[in-house]
Amino acid sequence: MNELKRPVTEVAAGILLDSDGRYLLGQRPEGKPYAGFWEIPGGKIEIGETVFTALKRELHEELGIEIKSSQELMVLEHDYPHAYVRLHVSVIRLWSGTPRGCEGQQLSWQVISAEGPSVGPLLPAAWPMLNKLKEFLA
């Protein structure tokens, strides 16, 4: 938990699952903390937004898609050097459009496996999300 009493940044993260059971990762672009690391798409929840509203906005901005619904998977906190984040993680199965890297980021569809993703490095907070996803889909 947040023992240093740092400000908490609320973040909505969306695990897109396609009809083949693959999930989508995006690579953080240059100029952002952890540039080059792979992550679950999403972003900060703005004041007055719900998790779903933030997901809709962030995934439209990042991936150019319109999500139709989401299902909460978990909430977790992670203390990064640049920010203390509370991640509201949702699974998304219904969207329109084809995900693309609207911010210049690379995307990769991944198969759920014991070894983890075939791309890396992965942001540290993404590991518990993927482990929970495995449990959720088992």
Foldseek 3Di string as FASTA:
>chain_A
DCPVPFDEFEKEFEWEQEPVRWTKWKAADPPDPNHRFIEGFIGTADPPGDSVRRRQVRQCQAFVKGFDDWAWQDWDWDDDVVHTYIYGYIYTHGIDDGGDGNVPIDMDTAHQDPVDGPDDDHPPVRVVVSVSVVVVVD
